[in-house]
C-alpha cells in the first residue's frame, strides 16, 4: 500500500482511528478537520453498515462537538445541509470505486477529487442560502445546481 498519503490517512488503520474517534469522542478536536470529516464519512459508508449516515450523522457529529467542548448553535457546530450534501456526494464517489480499493487509497482519491475542495458546496448553493440558519438546522435544496 502506498504511504505518500496526507497525514493522518497513510494507512487503513489511520482512517479507521479517525472514524472511531468521531464515534467514541476520542479524536482530538484539532484533528476534526475538513479532511477528517470526509475520511470518516467514507469509512462509515464502507465499513459500518450498522450506521446510516443520512440518519445517524446529525446525532453523531452533534454529540462529538459537545464532547470536545464545542457547541451546536445557529452559527457554529453541526450543519445539516452540508452534512447531507457531503454524504450524498461521498456515497456516489464510493460507489464508483472498485470494491477492492483499500480504504486509505479510497480516502486519498476522495481528497484529490473536486469534492474535497472547501468551496465545492458553493457550486450548488449560494453563500447566503448555504450559511443560513435554516440550512444549518435542516436540509435545504440547492438553489444553483442539483447534485447529479
C-alpha atoms as a PDB file:
ATOM      1  CA  UNK A   1       0.000   0.000   0.000  1.00  0.00           C
ATOM      2  CA  UNK A   2       1.405   3.454  -0.848  1.00  0.00           C
ATOM      3  CA  UNK A   3       2.454   5.615   2.084  1.00  0.00           C
ATOM      4  CA  UNK A   4       2.547   9.053   0.484  1.00  0.00           C
ATOM      5  CA  UNK A   5      -0.963   9.954   1.643  1.00  0.00           C
ATOM      6  CA  UNK A   6      -1.630  13.130   3.557  1.00  0.00           C
ATOM      7  CA  UNK A   7      -1.252  12.725   7.285  1.00  0.00           C
ATOM      8  CA  UNK A   8      -3.125  11.257   9.151  1.00  0.00           C
ATOM      9  CA  UNK A   9      -4.528   8.988   6.448  1.00  0.00           C
ATOM     10  CA  UNK A  10      -1.468   6.932   5.463  1.00  0.00           C
ATOM     11  CA  UNK A  11      -2.997   3.562   6.314  1.00  0.00           C
ATOM     12  CA  UNK A  12      -6.395   1.933   6.563  1.00  0.00           C
ATOM     13  CA  UNK A  13      -5.878   1.787  10.341  1.00  0.00           C
ATOM     14  CA  UNK A  14      -5.266   5.552  10.459  1.00  0.00           C
ATOM     15  CA  UNK A  15      -8.545   6.208   8.645  1.00  0.00           C
ATOM     16  CA  UNK A  16     -10.373   3.847  10.995  1.00  0.00           C
ATOM     17  CA  UNK A  17      -8.842   5.639  14.001  1.00  0.00           C
ATOM     18  CA  UNK A  18     -10.332   8.942  12.836  1.00  0.00           C
ATOM     19  CA  UNK A  19     -13.755   7.397  12.239  1.00  0.00           C
ATOM     20  CA  UNK A  20     -13.765   5.528  15.514  1.00  0.00           C
ATOM     21  CA  UNK A  21     -12.518   8.644  17.293  1.00  0.00           C
ATOM     22  CA  UNK A  22     -15.553  10.505  15.991  1.00  0.00           C
ATOM     23  CA  UNK A  23     -17.857   7.794  17.287  1.00  0.00           C
ATOM     24  CA  UNK A  24     -16.294   7.403  20.733  1.00  0.00           C
ATOM     25  CA  UNK A  25     -15.259  11.073  21.088  1.00  0.00           C
ATOM     26  CA  UNK A  26     -11.569  10.171  21.464  1.00  0.00           C
ATOM     27  CA  UNK A  27     -10.483  12.163  18.398  1.00  0.00           C
ATOM     28  CA  UNK A  28      -8.805  15.405  19.431  1.00  0.00           C
ATOM     29  CA  UNK A  29     -10.768  18.484  18.387  1.00  0.00           C
ATOM     30  CA  UNK A  30      -7.750  19.733  16.400  1.00  0.00           C
ATOM     31  CA  UNK A  31      -7.854  16.545  14.319  1.00  0.00           C
ATOM     32  CA  UNK A  32     -11.522  17.062  13.327  1.00  0.00           C
ATOM     33  CA  UNK A  33     -10.592  18.835  10.108  1.00  0.00           C
ATOM     34  CA  UNK A  34     -12.490  19.115   6.844  1.00  0.00           C
ATOM     35  CA  UNK A  35     -10.413  16.204   5.536  1.00  0.00           C
ATOM     36  CA  UNK A  36     -11.209  14.138   8.635  1.00  0.00           C
ATOM     37  CA  UNK A  37     -14.935  14.761   8.090  1.00  0.00           C
ATOM     38  CA  UNK A  38     -14.613  13.354   4.568  1.00  0.00           C
ATOM     39  CA  UNK A  39     -12.473  10.393   5.626  1.00  0.00           C
ATOM     40  CA  UNK A  40     -14.822   9.486   8.475  1.00  0.00           C
ATOM     41  CA  UNK A  41     -17.845   9.628   6.189  1.00  0.00           C
ATOM     42  CA  UNK A  42     -16.192   7.339   3.633  1.00  0.00           C
ATOM     43  CA  UNK A  43     -15.192   4.922   6.418  1.00  0.00           C
ATOM     44  CA  UNK A  44     -18.754   4.865   7.758  1.00  0.00           C
ATOM     45  CA  UNK A  45     -20.163   4.174   4.309  1.00  0.00           C
ATOM     46  CA  UNK A  46     -17.679   1.395   3.579  1.00  0.00           C
ATOM     47  CA  UNK A  47     -17.239  -0.334   6.903  1.00  0.00           C
ATOM     48  CA  UNK A  48     -20.102   0.478   9.238  1.00  0.00           C
ATOM     49  CA  UNK A  49     -23.337  -0.906   7.764  1.00  0.00           C
ATOM     50  CA  UNK A  50     -24.916  -0.545  11.214  1.00  0.00           C
ATOM     51  CA  UNK A  51     -24.729   3.233  10.796  1.00  0.00           C
ATOM     52  CA  UNK A  52     -26.851   5.066   8.225  1.00  0.00           C
ATOM     53  CA  UNK A  53     -25.003   8.369   7.762  1.00  0.00           C
ATOM     54  CA  UNK A  54     -28.010  10.290   6.468  1.00  0.00           C
ATOM     55  CA  UNK A  55     -29.925   9.358   9.601  1.00  0.00           C
ATOM     56  CA  UNK A  56     -27.204   8.961  12.209  1.00  0.00           C
ATOM     57  CA  UNK A  57     -24.563  11.606  11.479  1.00  0.00           C
ATOM     58  CA  UNK A  58     -26.591  14.514  12.885  1.00  0.00           C
ATOM     59  CA  UNK A  59     -26.545  12.982  16.360  1.00  0.00           C
ATOM     60  CA  UNK A  60     -23.004  11.589  15.998  1.00  0.00           C
ATOM     61  CA  UNK A  61     -21.433  14.900  14.953  1.00  0.00           C
ATOM     62  CA  UNK A  62     -23.503  16.968  17.393  1.00  0.00           C
ATOM     63  CA  UNK A  63     -22.507  14.730  20.295  1.00  0.00           C
ATOM     64  CA  UNK A  64     -18.858  14.776  19.241  1.00  0.00           C
ATOM     65  CA  UNK A  65     -18.886  18.595  19.047  1.00  0.00           C
ATOM     66  CA  UNK A  66     -20.223  18.873  22.603  1.00  0.00           C
ATOM     67  CA  UNK A  67     -17.841  16.197  23.917  1.00  0.00           C
ATOM     68  CA  UNK A  68     -14.806  18.146  22.700  1.00  0.00           C
ATOM     69  CA  UNK A  69     -16.032  21.452  24.108  1.00  0.00           C
ATOM     70  CA  UNK A  70     -17.860  22.815  21.087  1.00  0.00           C
ATOM     71  CA  UNK A  71     -21.427  23.918  20.624  1.00  0.00           C
ATOM     72  CA  UNK A  72     -24.154  23.325  18.065  1.00  0.00           C
ATOM     73  CA  UNK A  73     -25.711  26.731  17.505  1.00  0.00           C
ATOM     74  CA  UNK A  74     -27.239  28.792  14.717  1.00  0.00           C
ATOM     75  CA  UNK A  75     -23.736  29.866  13.707  1.00  0.00           C
ATOM     76  CA  UNK A  76     -21.378  27.055  14.725  1.00  0.00           C
ATOM     77  CA  UNK A  77     -21.145  23.293  15.049  1.00  0.00           C
ATOM     78  CA  UNK A  78     -23.366  20.832  13.254  1.00  0.00           C
ATOM     79  CA  UNK A  79     -24.669  21.872   9.803  1.00  0.00           C
ATOM     80  CA  UNK A  80     -27.430  19.654   8.376  1.00  0.00           C
ATOM     81  CA  UNK A  81     -27.315  20.787   4.750  1.00  0.00           C
ATOM     82  CA  UNK A  82     -23.550  20.427   4.452  1.00  0.00           C
ATOM     83  CA  UNK A  83     -23.667  17.011   6.091  1.00  0.00           C
ATOM     84  CA  UNK A  84     -26.367  15.682   3.783  1.00  0.00           C
ATOM     85  CA  UNK A  85     -24.687  17.162   0.682  1.00  0.00           C
ATOM     86  CA  UNK A  86     -21.369  15.507   1.509  1.00  0.00           C
ATOM     87  CA  UNK A  87     -22.948  12.171   2.461  1.00  0.00           C
ATOM     88  CA  UNK A  88     -24.721  12.079  -0.908  1.00  0.00           C
ATOM     89  CA  UNK A  89     -21.580  13.009  -2.831  1.00  0.00           C
ATOM     90  CA  UNK A  90     -19.298  10.627  -0.932  1.00  0.00           C
ATOM     91  CA  UNK A  91     -21.814   7.798  -1.321  1.00  0.00           C
ATOM     92  CA  UNK A  92     -21.764   8.374  -5.110  1.00  0.00           C
ATOM     93  CA  UNK A  93     -17.964   8.617  -5.089  1.00  0.00           C
ATOM     94  CA  UNK A  94     -17.586   5.376  -3.100  1.00  0.00           C
ATOM     95  CA  UNK A  95     -19.988   3.506  -5.379  1.00  0.00           C
ATOM     96  CA  UNK A  96     -17.792   4.350  -8.376  1.00  0.00           C
ATOM     97  CA  UNK A  97     -14.637   2.871  -6.822  1.00  0.00           C
ATOM     98  CA  UNK A  98     -13.620  -0.742  -7.401  1.00  0.00           C
ATOM     99  CA  UNK A  99     -14.773  -2.675  -4.307  1.00  0.00           C
ATOM    100  CA  UNK A 100     -11.244  -3.951  -3.639  1.00  0.00           C
ATOM    101  CA  UNK A 101      -9.841  -0.418  -3.270  1.00  0.00           C
ATOM    102  CA  UNK A 102      -8.036  -0.205   0.081  1.00  0.00           C
ATOM    103  CA  UNK A 103      -9.606   2.279   2.483  1.00  0.00           C
ATOM    104  CA  UNK A 104      -6.602   4.637   2.655  1.00  0.00           C
ATOM    105  CA  UNK A 105      -6.379   4.653  -1.142  1.00  0.00           C
ATOM    106  CA  UNK A 106     -10.103   5.448  -1.402  1.00  0.00           C
ATOM    107  CA  UNK A 107      -9.689   8.317   1.069  1.00  0.00           C
ATOM    108  CA  UNK A 108      -6.632   9.591  -0.825  1.00  0.00           C
ATOM    109  CA  UNK A 109      -8.632   9.577  -4.070  1.00  0.00           C
ATOM    110  CA  UNK A 110     -11.503  11.376  -2.344  1.00  0.00           C
ATOM    111  CA  UNK A 111      -9.157  14.049  -1.011  1.00  0.00           C
ATOM    112  CA  UNK A 112      -7.780  14.551  -4.528  1.00  0.00           C
ATOM    113  CA  UNK A 113     -11.274  14.883  -6.008  1.00  0.00           C
ATOM    114  CA  UNK A 114     -13.266  18.051  -6.556  1.00  0.00           C
ATOM    115  CA  UNK A 115     -15.467  17.068  -3.598  1.00  0.00           C
ATOM    116  CA  UNK A 116     -12.606  17.822  -1.207  1.00  0.00           C
ATOM    117  CA  UNK A 117     -12.328  21.474  -2.235  1.00  0.00           C
ATOM    118  CA  UNK A 118     -13.605  23.594   0.633  1.00  0.00           C
ATOM    119  CA  UNK A 119     -15.670  25.729  -1.736  1.00  0.00           C
ATOM    120  CA  UNK A 120     -17.186  22.717  -3.531  1.00  0.00           C
ATOM    121  CA  UNK A 121     -20.654  23.164  -1.908  1.00  0.00           C
ATOM    122  CA  UNK A 122     -20.864  26.643  -3.432  1.00  0.00           C
ATOM    123  CA  UNK A 123     -21.305  25.028  -6.854  1.00  0.00           C
ATOM    124  CA  UNK A 124     -24.755  24.022  -5.642  1.00  0.00           C
ATOM    125  CA  UNK A 125     -25.675  26.724  -3.142  1.00  0.00           C
ATOM    126  CA  UNK A 126     -25.418  30.466  -2.973  1.00  0.00           C
ATOM    127  CA  UNK A 127     -23.387  31.551   0.048  1.00  0.00           C
ATOM    128  CA  UNK A 128     -26.435  33.181   1.683  1.00  0.00           C
ATOM    129  CA  UNK A 129     -28.559  30.054   1.345  1.00  0.00           C
ATOM    130  CA  UNK A 130     -25.863  27.614   2.449  1.00  0.00           C
ATOM    131  CA  UNK A 131     -24.848  29.580   5.509  1.00  0.00           C
ATOM    132  CA  UNK A 132     -28.363  30.458   6.608  1.00  0.00           C
ATOM    133  CA  UNK A 133     -29.729  29.350   9.963  1.00  0.00           C
ATOM    134  CA  UNK A 134     -32.355  27.320   8.100  1.00  0.00           C
ATOM    135  CA  UNK A 135     -29.674  25.351   6.185  1.00  0.00           C
ATOM    136  CA  UNK A 136     -27.764  24.690   9.392  1.00  0.00           C
ATOM    137  CA  UNK A 137     -30.875  23.364  11.158  1.00  0.00           C
ATOM    138  CA  UNK A 138     -32.448  21.302   8.342  1.00  0.00           C
ATOM    139  CA  UNK A 139     -31.629  20.211   4.821  1.00  0.00           C
ATOM    140  CA  UNK A 140     -32.437  22.815   2.204  1.00  0.00           C
ATOM    141  CA  UNK A 141     -32.413  22.126  -1.510  1.00  0.00           C
ATOM    142  CA  UNK A 142     -29.672  23.690  -3.627  1.00  0.00           C
ATOM    143  CA  UNK A 143     -30.526  26.976  -5.298  1.00  0.00           C
ATOM    144  CA  UNK A 144     -27.838  26.938  -8.016  1.00  0.00           C
ATOM    145  CA  UNK A 145     -27.489  23.359  -9.238  1.00  0.00           C
ATOM    146  CA  UNK A 146     -28.622  19.930  -8.105  1.00  0.00           C
ATOM    147  CA  UNK A 147     -26.107  17.271  -7.222  1.00  0.00           C
ATOM    148  CA  UNK A 148     -26.101  14.769 -10.077  1.00  0.00           C
END
